[in-house]
Amino acid sequence: MPAGQDMLTLDHLTVIAPTLVEGVAHVRSCLDLDVPFGQRHGYMGTYNHLL
């Protein structure tokens, strides 16, 4: 890489699905990985799974 150019790095990927269960199942079927529960966001009433 030429001097002075920064390499871009990936920080997050987001999977959008009709439901969290469907999104987790989709990732599992595509990547053959279990997607563990992440955390609850009580102040927003949401939750996620993270790899």
N, C-alpha and C. Protein backbone atom coordinates (compact mmCIF):
# COMPACT_ATOMS: atom_id res chain seq x y z
N MET A 1 0.86 -1.18 0.00
CA MET A 1 0.00 0.00 0.00
C MET A 1 0.90 1.23 0.00
N PRO A 2 0.59 2.18 -0.86
CA PRO A 2 1.42 3.40 -0.93
C PRO A 2 1.40 4.16 0.39
N ALA A 3 2.50 4.82 0.69
CA ALA A 3 2.60 5.61 1.92
C ALA A 3 1.51 6.66 1.95
N GLY A 4 0.95 6.88 3.14
CA GLY A 4 -0.06 7.91 3.31
C GLY A 4 -1.48 7.44 3.07
N GLN A 5 -1.65 6.19 2.63
CA GLN A 5 -3.00 5.66 2.43
C GLN A 5 -3.33 4.69 3.55
N ASP A 6 -4.45 4.91 4.18
CA ASP A 6 -4.88 4.03 5.27
C ASP A 6 -5.73 2.90 4.72
N MET A 7 -5.54 1.71 5.29
CA MET A 7 -6.36 0.57 4.92
C MET A 7 -7.68 0.66 5.68
N LEU A 8 -8.77 0.43 5.00
CA LEU A 8 -10.07 0.40 5.65
C LEU A 8 -10.23 -0.91 6.39
N THR A 9 -10.84 -0.87 7.56
CA THR A 9 -11.09 -2.08 8.32
C THR A 9 -12.58 -2.21 8.59
N LEU A 10 -13.05 -3.44 8.62
CA LEU A 10 -14.44 -3.72 8.86
C LEU A 10 -14.68 -3.81 10.37
N ASP A 11 -15.67 -3.10 10.85
CA ASP A 11 -15.97 -3.09 12.27
C ASP A 11 -17.22 -3.90 12.59
N HIS A 12 -18.30 -3.71 11.80
CA HIS A 12 -19.57 -4.38 12.05
C HIS A 12 -20.21 -4.81 10.75
N LEU A 13 -20.90 -5.92 10.79
CA LEU A 13 -21.84 -6.32 9.75
C LEU A 13 -23.19 -6.45 10.43
N THR A 14 -24.22 -6.02 9.77
CA THR A 14 -25.56 -6.13 10.31
C THR A 14 -26.39 -6.99 9.39
N VAL A 15 -27.10 -7.94 9.96
CA VAL A 15 -28.03 -8.76 9.20
C VAL A 15 -29.43 -8.26 9.54
N ILE A 16 -30.17 -7.90 8.53
CA ILE A 16 -31.54 -7.43 8.73
C ILE A 16 -32.48 -8.55 8.30
N ALA A 17 -33.40 -8.90 9.18
CA ALA A 17 -34.34 -9.98 8.93
C ALA A 17 -35.69 -9.61 9.56
N PRO A 18 -36.75 -10.29 9.12
CA PRO A 18 -38.07 -9.99 9.70
C PRO A 18 -38.11 -10.19 11.22
N THR A 19 -37.38 -11.19 11.72
CA THR A 19 -37.30 -11.42 13.16
C THR A 19 -35.87 -11.78 13.53
N LEU A 20 -35.54 -11.63 14.79
CA LEU A 20 -34.21 -12.01 15.26
C LEU A 20 -33.97 -13.50 15.07
N VAL A 21 -34.99 -14.31 15.34
CA VAL A 21 -34.86 -15.76 15.18
C VAL A 21 -34.53 -16.12 13.74
N GLU A 22 -35.21 -15.48 12.78
CA GLU A 22 -34.94 -15.75 11.37
C GLU A 22 -33.53 -15.28 10.97
N GLY A 23 -33.11 -14.16 11.49
CA GLY A 23 -31.76 -13.67 11.18
C GLY A 23 -30.68 -14.60 11.71
N VAL A 24 -30.85 -15.07 12.95
CA VAL A 24 -29.89 -16.00 13.54
C VAL A 24 -29.88 -17.31 12.73
N ALA A 25 -31.05 -17.80 12.34
CA ALA A 25 -31.13 -19.04 11.55
C ALA A 25 -30.47 -18.86 10.19
N HIS A 26 -30.64 -17.70 9.58
CA HIS A 26 -30.02 -17.44 8.28
C HIS A 26 -28.49 -17.44 8.38
N VAL A 27 -27.97 -16.76 9.37
CA VAL A 27 -26.51 -16.73 9.55
C VAL A 27 -26.00 -18.13 9.84
N ARG A 28 -26.72 -18.88 10.67
CA ARG A 28 -26.32 -20.24 10.99
C ARG A 28 -26.29 -21.10 9.73
N SER A 29 -27.29 -20.98 8.88
CA SER A 29 -27.34 -21.81 7.67
C SER A 29 -26.27 -21.40 6.66
N CYS A 30 -25.96 -20.12 6.58
CA CYS A 30 -24.95 -19.65 5.62
C CYS A 30 -23.53 -19.92 6.07
N LEU A 31 -23.26 -19.73 7.36
CA LEU A 31 -21.89 -19.81 7.87
C LEU A 31 -21.61 -21.07 8.68
N ASP A 32 -22.65 -21.86 8.95
CA ASP A 32 -22.52 -23.06 9.78
C ASP A 32 -21.92 -22.71 11.14
N LEU A 33 -22.38 -21.59 11.70
CA LEU A 33 -21.92 -21.12 13.01
C LEU A 33 -23.11 -20.80 13.88
N ASP A 34 -23.02 -21.13 15.16
CA ASP A 34 -24.02 -20.67 16.11
C ASP A 34 -23.73 -19.22 16.45
N VAL A 35 -24.77 -18.44 16.53
CA VAL A 35 -24.62 -17.02 16.83
C VAL A 35 -25.09 -16.81 18.28
N PRO A 36 -24.16 -16.66 19.22
CA PRO A 36 -24.55 -16.55 20.63
C PRO A 36 -25.28 -15.24 20.94
N PHE A 37 -26.11 -15.32 21.98
CA PHE A 37 -26.82 -14.14 22.44
C PHE A 37 -25.82 -13.06 22.81
N GLY A 38 -26.14 -11.84 22.48
CA GLY A 38 -25.27 -10.71 22.79
C GLY A 38 -25.68 -10.01 24.06
N GLN A 39 -26.64 -9.10 23.95
CA GLN A 39 -27.07 -8.35 25.12
C GLN A 39 -28.45 -7.75 24.90
N ARG A 40 -29.08 -7.38 26.00
CA ARG A 40 -30.36 -6.66 25.97
C ARG A 40 -30.07 -5.17 26.14
N HIS A 41 -30.81 -4.39 25.43
CA HIS A 41 -30.72 -2.93 25.55
C HIS A 41 -32.03 -2.46 26.18
N GLY A 42 -32.08 -2.51 27.51
CA GLY A 42 -33.31 -2.21 28.24
C GLY A 42 -33.89 -0.85 27.93
N TYR A 43 -33.05 0.12 27.70
CA TYR A 43 -33.52 1.48 27.43
C TYR A 43 -34.18 1.61 26.07
N MET A 44 -33.92 0.65 25.16
CA MET A 44 -34.54 0.68 23.83
C MET A 44 -35.53 -0.48 23.63
N GLY A 45 -35.51 -1.46 24.54
CA GLY A 45 -36.38 -2.61 24.40
C GLY A 45 -35.94 -3.56 23.30
N THR A 46 -34.64 -3.58 23.01
CA THR A 46 -34.10 -4.43 21.95
C THR A 46 -33.07 -5.38 22.51
N TYR A 47 -32.65 -6.32 21.69
CA TYR A 47 -31.57 -7.25 22.05
C TYR A 47 -30.94 -7.75 20.78
N ASN A 48 -29.79 -8.42 20.91
CA ASN A 48 -29.07 -8.87 19.72
C ASN A 48 -28.30 -10.16 19.99
N HIS A 49 -27.72 -10.68 18.94
CA HIS A 49 -26.78 -11.79 19.00
C HIS A 49 -25.51 -11.29 18.34
N LEU A 50 -24.36 -11.78 18.80
CA LEU A 50 -23.08 -11.29 18.29
C LEU A 50 -22.12 -12.43 18.02
N LEU A 51 -21.32 -12.27 17.00
CA LEU A 51 -20.20 -13.19 16.74
C LEU A 51 -18.92 -12.46 17.06
